[in-house]
């Protein structure tokens, strides 16, 4: 078992460090995914038109999970999740836990790719082969994943800037809102609200990867603030989209629309652009690549922890499994079932895993090695 960070690991983390904005937007862009297209319909099905309240509750739960994650990382400042597993549970059990988490990351990456391809085929290219799209989409994801944590953080910032303009398009449907659709304001049940909260939580996973890349952050004392801002930025986006959609569609209409968010874009008219939703779907690929690449990189870190291969080779070693899982089934219903199961698993992992690690570290009185002292040498951009 490793007793502390090796000199090579320290140098790697110094040269490939993540800044405050990198952490903020890495969390935000990984969280926002295809689930936003269907989110307004899902929460209305579970809790009625007051379902938007569940988004605030889900954001609060995510904030609680992030708080526990940061407490864990403060106890293990120079160990990523895989090293934390081995320190807490021993080499063999820790390796098994790490392998399961890596498999979880690969499955998430696969399902996100397939879900996006389903949307592309439904709206843009219905006759194009799924396998062709899948392989083409994996290429930029692999390229970004092999670049390392710092490039993923920079790409997260670029992804936010490349996609945030779509929020301004919601001004048009917002002007067509019917206020009566929100009344009565709290006409829902506690059970329905809890179910809707769980559905929102499933659509907002991704912050649990902070357990993996926290070792690359420049100022660890600011991780809580950066992660919290990322969480609430995502919550705000989800809340605005859902509130506008609930007021835009009638109560009966919103439950019949497959992707309410995309359909709202159809009322937007711009000069020389007829189908703005097509541009929105294409732009969404930035978010998909950011999410998939980050999960691929996190899975590759498990192989990297053995100290045998370089990080790009570790990511490359995960691709065959991702290819097989993505191409194996062409049944849309089966893919939907897998998405549901994986979403539930993701919700459990993102909330319960930090609590388990924190509790185990306190009970077993385990801590990691302290951060190495800061050096005065200028930072090198090795990514």
Foldseek 3Di string as FASTA:
>chain_A
DDAADDPVLLLVLQQQFAELQLLQLLLQLLQAAPLLQLLLLLQCVLWNLLSLVLLVVLLVLLLVLLVLLLVLCQLAVQDFQLRLLCQLPNDPRSLVVLLVLLVLLLLVLLLRQQVLLVVCLVPPNVPDDSLVSSVVLVVLLLVQLLVDSNSLSVLSVVLCVLQVVVVVLLVVLLVQFDVCLCPPPRPGDPRSNVVSSLSSLLSRFDSLCCSGNSNNHDDSVCSSVSHSSSSVVNSVSSSVLSNSLSRNDHRVGSNVDRGSSLVSSCVRDDPPDRRVSSVNSVSSSSSSSSNSSSSLNSSLVSVVVVVDDDSSVSSVVSVVVSSCVNVVDPDPVVSVVSSVVSSSVSSCCSNVVSVVSSVSCVVVVDGGDDRDDDDPDDHHNPD
